[in-house]
Amino acid sequence: MNFIKFPMFIAVIAYLGMPIAQAEDAVKLPTLTVLAESELRDEVGFVPYQEDKPVRQALQRFMLKNERDIQNFVVDDSFTEINLQPKLTEPDMSQLSPALQQYVLAVASGLQSSDPTTGLFTLLKQFGIDRSNVDGIRGGTVKLNIDPNLLQQLKDNKWQMR
């Protein structure tokens, strides 16, 4: 039995004699600390604003160069036209009579011409309004002399398209 106790005793003594790392030897790692603005000022101190003139001048030159480049932009001859609007399908006018189809096309072509009032007067021709009835066209407005009977007829909705 002494044979078993003796090696155990030696093992315990050897274990106690081995150097063990103490808490004092531990390395402290840096940590991030959240500070309020006043605490940060106390920690760092007052840092006055220092204007860096070369940096400011370089930034001003950069901005002026960009503005000049934008103003002096030149379109070269190699540009291509890009149509961003999809093609619209043509309206189906098969249910209209041929005369009404011609009337609609005449009004549409007049509105798309260089003088859109042509389309308007084509539209108003059935009411007896033409360029001779108009006092003047100024600033997108048209002043008309309309017969009061025609106005009453339009109010009653008794007129029909021809």
Protein backbone atom coordinates (compact mmCIF):
# COMPACT_ATOMS: atom_id res chain seq x y z
CA MET A 1 0.00 0.00 0.00
CA ASN A 2 2.93 2.25 0.62
CA PHE A 3 3.86 1.73 -2.97
CA ILE A 4 0.60 3.37 -4.11
CA LYS A 5 0.69 6.25 -1.58
CA PHE A 6 4.28 7.18 -2.30
CA PRO A 7 3.85 7.89 -6.08
CA MET A 8 0.64 9.81 -5.36
CA PHE A 9 2.46 11.92 -2.83
CA ILE A 10 5.23 12.69 -5.32
CA ALA A 11 2.69 13.58 -8.00
CA VAL A 12 0.90 16.05 -5.68
CA ILE A 13 4.19 17.70 -4.68
CA ALA A 14 5.29 17.94 -8.32
CA TYR A 15 1.97 19.43 -9.30
CA LEU A 16 2.15 22.12 -6.60
CA GLY A 17 5.70 22.98 -7.49
CA MET A 18 4.94 23.70 -11.16
CA PRO A 19 4.71 27.35 -12.09
CA ILE A 20 1.11 28.43 -12.62
CA ALA A 21 0.13 31.60 -14.54
CA GLN A 22 -1.25 34.16 -12.16
CA ALA A 23 -3.97 36.73 -12.96
CA GLU A 24 -1.39 39.50 -12.63
CA ASP A 25 0.51 38.15 -15.61
CA ALA A 26 -2.54 38.36 -17.97
CA VAL A 27 -2.32 40.82 -20.85
CA LYS A 28 -5.04 43.47 -21.05
CA LEU A 29 -6.41 43.99 -24.51
CA PRO A 30 -7.56 47.44 -25.69
CA THR A 31 -11.33 47.94 -25.63
CA LEU A 32 -13.72 50.36 -27.24
CA THR A 33 -15.49 52.64 -24.85
CA VAL A 34 -18.60 54.60 -25.68
CA LEU A 35 -18.21 58.18 -24.52
CA ALA A 36 -20.59 61.10 -24.55
CA GLU A 37 -19.41 64.28 -26.28
CA SER A 38 -18.48 65.98 -22.99
CA GLU A 39 -16.52 62.90 -21.84
CA LEU A 40 -14.72 62.74 -25.16
CA ARG A 41 -13.77 66.44 -24.85
CA ASP A 42 -12.39 65.76 -21.36
CA GLU A 43 -10.41 62.81 -22.70
CA VAL A 44 -9.00 64.48 -25.83
CA GLY A 45 -9.10 68.18 -24.99
CA PHE A 46 -10.07 71.09 -27.24
CA VAL A 47 -8.87 70.71 -30.84
CA PRO A 48 -9.12 74.01 -32.73
CA TYR A 49 -10.20 73.96 -36.38
CA GLN A 50 -7.22 74.40 -38.63
CA GLU A 51 -7.96 75.42 -42.18
CA ASP A 52 -5.77 73.70 -44.72
CA LYS A 53 -5.42 76.32 -47.49
CA PRO A 54 -3.76 74.07 -50.11
CA VAL A 55 -6.51 71.47 -49.74
CA ARG A 56 -9.22 74.14 -50.01
CA GLN A 57 -7.59 75.67 -53.12
CA ALA A 58 -7.22 72.24 -54.73
CA LEU A 59 -10.90 71.55 -54.10
CA GLN A 60 -11.88 74.93 -55.59
CA ARG A 61 -9.77 74.23 -58.71
CA PHE A 62 -11.38 70.80 -59.03
CA MET A 63 -14.89 72.27 -58.79
CA LEU A 64 -14.10 75.01 -61.35
CA LYS A 65 -12.66 72.43 -63.74
CA ASN A 66 -15.79 70.28 -63.43
CA GLU A 67 -18.05 73.29 -64.06
CA ARG A 68 -16.03 74.30 -67.14
CA ASP A 69 -16.14 70.74 -68.44
CA ILE A 70 -19.92 70.65 -68.04
CA GLN A 71 -20.36 73.99 -69.81
CA ASN A 72 -17.97 73.15 -72.65
CA PHE A 73 -19.38 69.70 -73.37
CA VAL A 74 -19.38 68.99 -77.10
CA VAL A 75 -21.42 66.27 -78.78
CA ASP A 76 -19.28 64.51 -81.36
CA ASP A 77 -20.53 63.17 -84.69
CA SER A 78 -20.67 59.57 -83.52
CA PHE A 79 -23.79 59.90 -81.35
CA THR A 80 -26.85 57.78 -82.07
CA GLU A 81 -30.50 58.47 -81.49
CA ILE A 82 -32.12 56.57 -78.64
CA ASN A 83 -35.88 56.33 -78.63
CA LEU A 84 -37.04 55.62 -75.08
CA GLN A 85 -40.76 55.63 -75.81
CA PRO A 86 -42.19 52.36 -77.05
CA LYS A 87 -44.03 52.34 -80.33
CA LEU A 88 -47.73 52.88 -79.76
CA THR A 89 -50.16 50.64 -81.53
CA GLU A 90 -52.25 52.38 -84.12
CA PRO A 91 -55.87 52.85 -83.09
CA ASP A 92 -58.39 50.54 -84.72
CA MET A 93 -60.75 52.74 -86.73
CA SER A 94 -62.44 49.90 -88.58
CA GLN A 95 -65.71 50.48 -86.71
CA LEU A 96 -65.88 54.07 -88.03
CA SER A 97 -67.35 55.01 -91.39
CA PRO A 98 -64.83 55.94 -94.13
CA ALA A 99 -65.93 59.60 -94.01
CA LEU A 100 -65.45 59.74 -90.23
CA GLN A 101 -62.07 58.04 -90.59
CA GLN A 102 -60.99 60.74 -93.05
CA TYR A 103 -62.25 63.43 -90.65
CA VAL A 104 -60.32 61.99 -87.68
CA LEU A 105 -57.14 61.67 -89.76
CA ALA A 106 -57.51 65.27 -91.03
CA VAL A 107 -57.90 66.61 -87.48
CA ALA A 108 -54.94 64.53 -86.23
CA SER A 109 -52.65 65.60 -89.08
CA GLY A 110 -53.67 69.24 -88.53
CA LEU A 111 -52.84 69.00 -84.82
CA GLN A 112 -49.45 67.43 -85.61
CA SER A 113 -48.55 70.05 -88.23
CA SER A 114 -46.34 73.07 -87.61
CA ASP A 115 -49.52 75.14 -86.99
CA PRO A 116 -51.76 73.11 -84.64
CA THR A 117 -54.61 75.58 -85.09
CA THR A 118 -55.20 73.93 -88.48
CA GLY A 119 -56.38 70.80 -86.67
CA LEU A 120 -58.51 72.85 -84.28
CA PHE A 121 -60.22 74.70 -87.12
CA THR A 122 -60.79 71.39 -88.94
CA LEU A 123 -62.44 70.14 -85.76
CA LEU A 124 -64.58 73.29 -85.39
CA LYS A 125 -65.49 73.53 -89.08
CA GLN A 126 -68.66 71.47 -88.57
CA PHE A 127 -69.89 74.14 -86.14
CA GLY A 128 -69.38 76.92 -88.66
CA ILE A 129 -66.23 78.25 -86.98
CA ASP A 130 -63.32 79.06 -89.24
CA ARG A 131 -60.46 81.58 -89.32
CA SER A 132 -62.81 84.35 -90.47
CA ASN A 133 -64.91 84.03 -87.27
CA VAL A 134 -61.86 84.31 -85.00
CA ASP A 135 -60.93 87.76 -83.68
CA GLY A 136 -57.37 86.81 -82.86
CA ILE A 137 -54.98 84.16 -81.73
CA ARG A 138 -52.70 85.44 -78.98
CA GLY A 139 -50.64 83.57 -76.42
CA GLY A 140 -52.36 80.23 -76.91
CA THR A 141 -55.88 81.66 -76.64
CA VAL A 142 -58.48 81.92 -79.40
CA LYS A 143 -61.28 84.47 -79.22
CA LEU A 144 -64.39 83.26 -81.07
CA ASN A 145 -67.61 84.90 -82.20
CA ILE A 146 -70.12 82.10 -81.76
CA ASP A 147 -73.76 82.24 -82.72
CA PRO A 148 -75.96 81.95 -79.57
CA ASN A 149 -78.16 79.40 -81.36
CA LEU A 150 -75.12 77.18 -81.87
CA LEU A 151 -74.30 77.39 -78.16
CA GLN A 152 -77.86 76.40 -77.26
CA GLN A 153 -77.63 73.50 -79.70
CA LEU A 154 -74.37 72.32 -78.07
CA LYS A 155 -75.93 72.58 -74.60
CA ASP A 156 -78.91 70.51 -75.64
CA ASN A 157 -76.56 67.89 -77.11
CA LYS A 158 -78.70 67.65 -80.24
CA TRP A 159 -75.85 68.06 -82.71
CA GLN A 160 -74.40 65.01 -84.40
CA MET A 161 -71.06 64.42 -86.03
CA ARG A 162 -71.13 64.27 -89.78
